[in-house]
Amino acid sequence: MAVCPHALSDPRAEVTLQESNQELRSQLAQSKQDFQALMEEFLVSEAAAYSLATELQKHKCGECKDIIESVLGDKLPFEE
């Protein structure tokens, strides 16, 4: 894509580019904060799921075997 040489030397175009750059940086910073918040929520949820799966395992809940295995990642011996 060819760029008009006059557009590069136009002060208004430079201001517009700077404003666009600033807006994009602001959006990036907000996206990083949103990602961090979601990651924290995910880790809390993952810890809660692990804790609940461990409790189910203690109670030898055979009906919940698939759930426990998917959360804990182990093949568990259950007595039915």
N, C-alpha and C. Protein backbone atom coordinates (compact mmCIF):
# COMPACT_ATOMS: atom_id res chain seq x y z
N MET A 1 0.84 -1.17 0.00
CA MET A 1 0.00 0.00 0.00
C MET A 1 0.89 1.23 0.00
N ALA A 2 0.70 2.10 -0.95
CA ALA A 2 1.50 3.32 -1.06
C ALA A 2 0.94 4.39 -0.14
N VAL A 3 1.85 5.14 0.48
CA VAL A 3 1.46 6.23 1.36
C VAL A 3 1.84 7.53 0.70
N CYS A 4 0.92 8.44 0.69
CA CYS A 4 1.17 9.75 0.09
C CYS A 4 2.23 10.48 0.92
N PRO A 5 3.31 10.97 0.30
CA PRO A 5 4.36 11.66 1.06
C PRO A 5 3.85 12.87 1.82
N HIS A 6 2.83 13.52 1.29
CA HIS A 6 2.28 14.69 1.97
C HIS A 6 1.60 14.30 3.28
N ALA A 7 1.02 13.12 3.32
CA ALA A 7 0.33 12.67 4.53
C ALA A 7 1.31 12.50 5.69
N LEU A 8 2.54 12.10 5.38
CA LEU A 8 3.53 11.88 6.43
C LEU A 8 4.04 13.19 7.02
N SER A 9 4.03 14.25 6.21
CA SER A 9 4.54 15.53 6.69
C SER A 9 3.44 16.43 7.25
N ASP A 10 2.21 15.99 7.15
CA ASP A 10 1.08 16.78 7.65
C ASP A 10 1.03 16.70 9.17
N PRO A 11 1.13 17.83 9.87
CA PRO A 11 1.10 17.82 11.35
C PRO A 11 -0.20 17.24 11.90
N ARG A 12 -1.30 17.43 11.19
CA ARG A 12 -2.58 16.87 11.65
C ARG A 12 -2.54 15.35 11.62
N ALA A 13 -1.91 14.80 10.59
CA ALA A 13 -1.79 13.35 10.49
C ALA A 13 -0.92 12.81 11.61
N GLU A 14 0.14 13.54 11.95
CA GLU A 14 1.03 13.11 13.04
C GLU A 14 0.28 13.13 14.37
N VAL A 15 -0.52 14.16 14.60
CA VAL A 15 -1.31 14.24 15.83
C VAL A 15 -2.31 13.09 15.88
N THR A 16 -2.94 12.81 14.75
CA THR A 16 -3.90 11.71 14.69
C THR A 16 -3.21 10.38 14.99
N LEU A 17 -2.03 10.19 14.44
CA LEU A 17 -1.27 8.96 14.71
C LEU A 17 -0.90 8.86 16.18
N GLN A 18 -0.49 9.97 16.76
CA GLN A 18 -0.13 9.97 18.18
C GLN A 18 -1.34 9.66 19.05
N GLU A 19 -2.49 10.24 18.69
CA GLU A 19 -3.71 9.97 19.44
C GLU A 19 -4.11 8.51 19.31
N SER A 20 -4.01 7.98 18.09
CA SER A 20 -4.33 6.57 17.86
C SER A 20 -3.40 5.68 18.66
N ASN A 21 -2.12 6.01 18.64
CA ASN A 21 -1.12 5.24 19.38
C ASN A 21 -1.43 5.26 20.87
N GLN A 22 -1.77 6.44 21.38
CA GLN A 22 -2.08 6.57 22.81
C GLN A 22 -3.33 5.76 23.16
N GLU A 23 -4.34 5.81 22.31
CA GLU A 23 -5.57 5.06 22.55
C GLU A 23 -5.30 3.55 22.53
N LEU A 24 -4.50 3.11 21.57
CA LEU A 24 -4.17 1.69 21.49
C LEU A 24 -3.36 1.23 22.71
N ARG A 25 -2.45 2.06 23.18
CA ARG A 25 -1.68 1.72 24.38
C ARG A 25 -2.59 1.63 25.60
N SER A 26 -3.56 2.54 25.66
CA SER A 26 -4.52 2.53 26.76
C SER A 26 -5.36 1.25 26.72
N GLN A 27 -5.81 0.89 25.53
CA GLN A 27 -6.59 -0.34 25.37
C GLN A 27 -5.76 -1.57 25.73
N LEU A 28 -4.49 -1.57 25.34
CA LEU A 28 -3.60 -2.69 25.67
C LEU A 28 -3.43 -2.81 27.17
N ALA A 29 -3.23 -1.69 27.84
CA ALA A 29 -3.07 -1.71 29.30
C ALA A 29 -4.33 -2.24 29.97
N GLN A 30 -5.50 -1.81 29.48
CA GLN A 30 -6.76 -2.29 30.05
C GLN A 30 -6.93 -3.78 29.79
N SER A 31 -6.57 -4.22 28.60
CA SER A 31 -6.68 -5.65 28.27
C SER A 31 -5.77 -6.49 29.16
N LYS A 32 -4.58 -5.98 29.45
CA LYS A 32 -3.66 -6.70 30.34
C LYS A 32 -4.24 -6.79 31.74
N GLN A 33 -4.86 -5.71 32.22
CA GLN A 33 -5.49 -5.73 33.54
C GLN A 33 -6.65 -6.71 33.57
N ASP A 34 -7.47 -6.69 32.51
CA ASP A 34 -8.60 -7.62 32.43
C ASP A 34 -8.11 -9.06 32.41
N PHE A 35 -7.05 -9.32 31.64
CA PHE A 35 -6.50 -10.67 31.58
C PHE A 35 -6.01 -11.12 32.95
N GLN A 36 -5.32 -10.24 33.66
CA GLN A 36 -4.80 -10.57 34.99
C GLN A 36 -5.95 -10.89 35.94
N ALA A 37 -7.01 -10.11 35.89
CA ALA A 37 -8.18 -10.36 36.75
C ALA A 37 -8.82 -11.70 36.42
N LEU A 38 -8.95 -12.00 35.13
CA LEU A 38 -9.52 -13.29 34.73
C LEU A 38 -8.63 -14.45 35.15
N MET A 39 -7.32 -14.26 35.04
CA MET A 39 -6.39 -15.31 35.44
C MET A 39 -6.51 -15.59 36.94
N GLU A 40 -6.63 -14.53 37.73
CA GLU A 40 -6.79 -14.70 39.18
C GLU A 40 -8.09 -15.43 39.50
N GLU A 41 -9.18 -15.06 38.82
CA GLU A 41 -10.46 -15.75 39.03
C GLU A 41 -10.35 -17.22 38.63
N PHE A 42 -9.67 -17.49 37.52
CA PHE A 42 -9.48 -18.87 37.07
C PHE A 42 -8.71 -19.68 38.11
N LEU A 43 -7.64 -19.12 38.64
CA LEU A 43 -6.83 -19.85 39.62
C LEU A 43 -7.61 -20.12 40.89
N VAL A 44 -8.43 -19.17 41.32
CA VAL A 44 -9.27 -19.39 42.50
C VAL A 44 -10.28 -20.50 42.22
N SER A 45 -10.90 -20.46 41.04
CA SER A 45 -11.87 -21.50 40.66
C SER A 45 -11.21 -22.86 40.57
N GLU A 46 -10.02 -22.90 40.01
CA GLU A 46 -9.28 -24.15 39.87
C GLU A 46 -8.95 -24.72 41.25
N ALA A 47 -8.53 -23.87 42.17
CA ALA A 47 -8.22 -24.32 43.53
C ALA A 47 -9.47 -24.84 44.23
N ALA A 48 -10.59 -24.16 44.03
CA ALA A 48 -11.85 -24.60 44.64
C ALA A 48 -12.27 -25.96 44.07
N ALA A 49 -12.16 -26.13 42.76
CA ALA A 49 -12.51 -27.40 42.13
C ALA A 49 -11.61 -28.52 42.65
N TYR A 50 -10.33 -28.25 42.79
CA TYR A 50 -9.39 -29.24 43.31
C TYR A 50 -9.76 -29.63 44.74
N SER A 51 -10.08 -28.63 45.55
CA SER A 51 -10.44 -28.88 46.94
C SER A 51 -11.71 -29.72 47.03
N LEU A 52 -12.71 -29.38 46.23
CA LEU A 52 -13.96 -30.14 46.24
C LEU A 52 -13.75 -31.56 45.72
N ALA A 53 -12.93 -31.73 44.70
CA ALA A 53 -12.65 -33.07 44.18
C ALA A 53 -11.92 -33.91 45.22
N THR A 54 -11.03 -33.30 45.97
CA THR A 54 -10.32 -34.01 47.04
C THR A 54 -11.30 -34.46 48.11
N GLU A 55 -12.25 -33.60 48.46
CA GLU A 55 -13.27 -33.98 49.44
C GLU A 55 -14.13 -35.13 48.93
N LEU A 56 -14.53 -35.07 47.66
CA LEU A 56 -15.31 -36.17 47.08
C LEU A 56 -14.51 -37.46 47.11
N GLN A 57 -13.22 -37.37 46.85
CA GLN A 57 -12.36 -38.55 46.85
C GLN A 57 -12.31 -39.16 48.25
N LYS A 58 -12.26 -38.33 49.28
CA LYS A 58 -12.23 -38.82 50.66
C LYS A 58 -13.49 -39.61 51.00
N HIS A 59 -14.61 -39.20 50.41
CA HIS A 59 -15.88 -39.86 50.69
C HIS A 59 -16.14 -41.03 49.76
N LYS A 60 -15.14 -41.37 48.94
CA LYS A 60 -15.22 -42.49 48.01
C LYS A 60 -16.53 -42.46 47.21
N CYS A 61 -16.76 -41.33 46.62
CA CYS A 61 -17.97 -41.12 45.83
C CYS A 61 -17.77 -41.73 44.44
N GLY A 62 -18.20 -42.97 44.28
CA GLY A 62 -18.03 -43.67 43.01
C GLY A 62 -18.78 -43.03 41.87
N GLU A 63 -19.92 -42.43 42.17
CA GLU A 63 -20.70 -41.76 41.13
C GLU A 63 -19.97 -40.54 40.57
N CYS A 64 -19.05 -40.02 41.35
CA CYS A 64 -18.33 -38.80 40.96
C CYS A 64 -16.94 -39.10 40.41
N LYS A 65 -16.65 -40.37 40.16
CA LYS A 65 -15.31 -40.79 39.75
C LYS A 65 -14.80 -40.00 38.54
N ASP A 66 -15.63 -39.84 37.52
CA ASP A 66 -15.20 -39.14 36.30
C ASP A 66 -14.85 -37.68 36.59
N ILE A 67 -15.66 -37.04 37.42
CA ILE A 67 -15.40 -35.64 37.77
C ILE A 67 -14.09 -35.53 38.54
N ILE A 68 -13.92 -36.40 39.52
CA ILE A 68 -12.70 -36.37 40.34
C ILE A 68 -11.47 -36.58 39.47
N GLU A 69 -11.54 -37.57 38.58
CA GLU A 69 -10.39 -37.86 37.70
C GLU A 69 -10.09 -36.68 36.78
N SER A 70 -11.13 -36.02 36.29
CA SER A 70 -10.89 -34.90 35.37
C SER A 70 -10.25 -33.72 36.10
N VAL A 71 -10.59 -33.54 37.37
CA VAL A 71 -10.03 -32.42 38.13
C VAL A 71 -8.65 -32.76 38.67
N LEU A 72 -8.52 -33.94 39.25
CA LEU A 72 -7.25 -34.31 39.87
C LEU A 72 -6.26 -34.89 38.86
N GLY A 73 -6.76 -35.36 37.73
CA GLY A 73 -5.87 -35.86 36.69
C GLY A 73 -5.31 -37.24 36.96
N ASP A 74 -5.90 -37.97 37.89
CA ASP A 74 -5.42 -39.31 38.22
C ASP A 74 -6.51 -40.33 37.94
N LYS A 75 -6.08 -41.55 37.62
CA LYS A 75 -7.01 -42.66 37.54
C LYS A 75 -7.15 -43.20 38.96
N LEU A 76 -8.36 -43.21 39.45
CA LEU A 76 -8.58 -43.57 40.84
C LEU A 76 -9.24 -44.94 40.95
N PRO A 77 -8.75 -45.77 41.86
CA PRO A 77 -9.41 -47.05 42.10
C PRO A 77 -10.63 -46.83 43.00
N PHE A 78 -11.80 -47.19 42.51
CA PHE A 78 -13.02 -47.05 43.30
C PHE A 78 -13.61 -48.41 43.55
N GLU A 79 -14.14 -48.57 44.74
CA GLU A 79 -14.87 -49.79 45.07
C GLU A 79 -16.34 -49.46 44.92
N GLU A 80 -16.99 -50.13 43.99
CA GLU A 80 -18.41 -49.86 43.74
C GLU A 80 -19.27 -50.70 44.66
